[in-house]
Amino acid sequence: MANIITGILNHHQGKGERSPFGTGSLFVAATGTAGTVVVSSAGTRSIRVQGFGESTSSAIFDETVFAR
């Protein structure tokens, strides 16, 4: 999963996608900040995607994608 997440992050960072709330990357692997999308492992066959708006206390979307 780590290689897949790294590939996703590198792809979006390579495109220069930035957070609308600052100069940082839009997609991150660590704790989310305002205006970021966190991509993290949720198990051996799943990835969790969380999006944050102005507040990091509650994600505006939080989905888990499973491989079959």
C-alpha atoms as a PDB file:
ATOM      1  CA  MET A   1       0.000   0.000   0.000  1.00  0.00           C
ATOM      2  CA  ALA A   2       2.857   2.378   0.738  1.00  0.00           C
ATOM      3  CA  ASN A   3       4.012   2.256  -2.902  1.00  0.00           C
ATOM      4  CA  ILE A   4       0.507   2.968  -4.172  1.00  0.00           C
ATOM      5  CA  ILE A   5       0.057   5.926  -1.820  1.00  0.00           C
ATOM      6  CA  THR A   6       3.490   7.282  -2.735  1.00  0.00           C
ATOM      7  CA  GLY A   7       2.576   6.999  -6.427  1.00  0.00           C
ATOM      8  CA  ILE A   8      -0.676   8.908  -5.899  1.00  0.00           C
ATOM      9  CA  LEU A   9       1.048  11.671  -3.939  1.00  0.00           C
ATOM     10  CA  ASN A  10       3.932  11.981  -6.429  1.00  0.00           C
ATOM     11  CA  HIS A  11       1.497  12.158  -9.352  1.00  0.00           C
ATOM     12  CA  HIS A  12      -0.488  15.040  -7.861  1.00  0.00           C
ATOM     13  CA  GLN A  13       2.581  16.868  -6.535  1.00  0.00           C
ATOM     14  CA  GLY A  14       4.158  16.554  -9.986  1.00  0.00           C
ATOM     15  CA  LYS A  15       1.110  18.284 -11.457  1.00  0.00           C
ATOM     16  CA  GLY A  16       1.677  21.160  -9.033  1.00  0.00           C
ATOM     17  CA  GLU A  17      -1.712  20.830  -7.345  1.00  0.00           C
ATOM     18  CA  ARG A  18      -1.802  23.146  -4.321  1.00  0.00           C
ATOM     19  CA  SER A  19      -4.161  23.634  -1.401  1.00  0.00           C
ATOM     20  CA  PRO A  20      -6.595  26.516  -1.967  1.00  0.00           C
ATOM     21  CA  PHE A  21      -5.804  27.704   1.584  1.00  0.00           C
ATOM     22  CA  GLY A  22      -2.025  27.963   1.267  1.00  0.00           C
ATOM     23  CA  THR A  23       1.038  27.061  -0.745  1.00  0.00           C
ATOM     24  CA  GLY A  24       1.301  23.448   0.435  1.00  0.00           C
ATOM     25  CA  SER A  25       0.452  20.383  -1.589  1.00  0.00           C
ATOM     26  CA  LEU A  26      -3.227  19.531  -2.048  1.00  0.00           C
ATOM     27  CA  PHE A  27      -2.666  15.792  -1.427  1.00  0.00           C
ATOM     28  CA  VAL A  28      -0.766  14.738   1.707  1.00  0.00           C
ATOM     29  CA  ALA A  29      -0.035  11.492   3.557  1.00  0.00           C
ATOM     30  CA  ALA A  30       0.057  12.918   7.074  1.00  0.00           C
ATOM     31  CA  THR A  31      -2.402  14.807   9.243  1.00  0.00           C
ATOM     32  CA  GLY A  32      -4.643  17.049   7.190  1.00  0.00           C
ATOM     33  CA  THR A  33      -4.604  20.800   7.356  1.00  0.00           C
ATOM     34  CA  ALA A  34      -7.182  23.228   6.007  1.00  0.00           C
ATOM     35  CA  GLY A  35      -7.715  22.674   2.291  1.00  0.00           C
ATOM     36  CA  THR A  36      -5.934  19.328   1.962  1.00  0.00           C
ATOM     37  CA  VAL A  37      -6.807  15.786   0.951  1.00  0.00           C
ATOM     38  CA  VAL A  38      -5.225  13.064   3.095  1.00  0.00           C
ATOM     39  CA  VAL A  39      -4.492   9.736   1.396  1.00  0.00           C
ATOM     40  CA  SER A  40      -3.593   6.977   3.867  1.00  0.00           C
ATOM     41  CA  SER A  41      -3.565   3.218   4.231  1.00  0.00           C
ATOM     42  CA  ALA A  42      -6.685   1.735   5.798  1.00  0.00           C
ATOM     43  CA  GLY A  43      -5.519  -1.870   5.726  1.00  0.00           C
ATOM     44  CA  THR A  44      -3.785  -4.303   3.428  1.00  0.00           C
ATOM     45  CA  ARG A  45      -6.235  -3.743   0.554  1.00  0.00           C
ATOM     46  CA  SER A  46      -7.764  -0.341   1.159  1.00  0.00           C
ATOM     47  CA  ILE A  47      -6.986   3.373   1.050  1.00  0.00           C
ATOM     48  CA  ARG A  48      -8.726   6.084   3.072  1.00  0.00           C
ATOM     49  CA  VAL A  49      -9.305   9.473   1.450  1.00  0.00           C
ATOM     50  CA  GLN A  50     -10.273  12.413   3.668  1.00  0.00           C
ATOM     51  CA  GLY A  51     -10.872  15.974   2.502  1.00  0.00           C
ATOM     52  CA  PHE A  52     -10.717  19.008   4.766  1.00  0.00           C
ATOM     53  CA  GLY A  53     -12.142  22.476   4.184  1.00  0.00           C
ATOM     54  CA  GLU A  54     -11.560  25.394   6.515  1.00  0.00           C
ATOM     55  CA  SER A  55     -11.683  23.172   9.612  1.00  0.00           C
ATOM     56  CA  THR A  56      -9.705  20.030  10.378  1.00  0.00           C
ATOM     57  CA  SER A  57     -12.005  18.988  13.220  1.00  0.00           C
ATOM     58  CA  SER A  58     -14.341  17.255  10.777  1.00  0.00           C
ATOM     59  CA  ALA A  59     -13.589  16.044   7.247  1.00  0.00           C
ATOM     60  CA  ILE A  60     -15.969  17.262   4.523  1.00  0.00           C
ATOM     61  CA  PHE A  61     -15.622  13.836   2.957  1.00  0.00           C
ATOM     62  CA  ASP A  62     -14.196  10.600   4.292  1.00  0.00           C
ATOM     63  CA  GLU A  63     -14.224   7.534   2.061  1.00  0.00           C
ATOM     64  CA  THR A  64     -12.407   4.226   2.039  1.00  0.00           C
ATOM     65  CA  VAL A  65     -11.587   2.568  -1.290  1.00  0.00           C
ATOM     66  CA  PHE A  66     -11.181  -1.216  -1.311  1.00  0.00           C
ATOM     67  CA  ALA A  67      -9.282  -3.327  -3.857  1.00  0.00           C
ATOM     68  CA  ARG A  68     -11.000  -6.539  -4.902  1.00  0.00           C
END
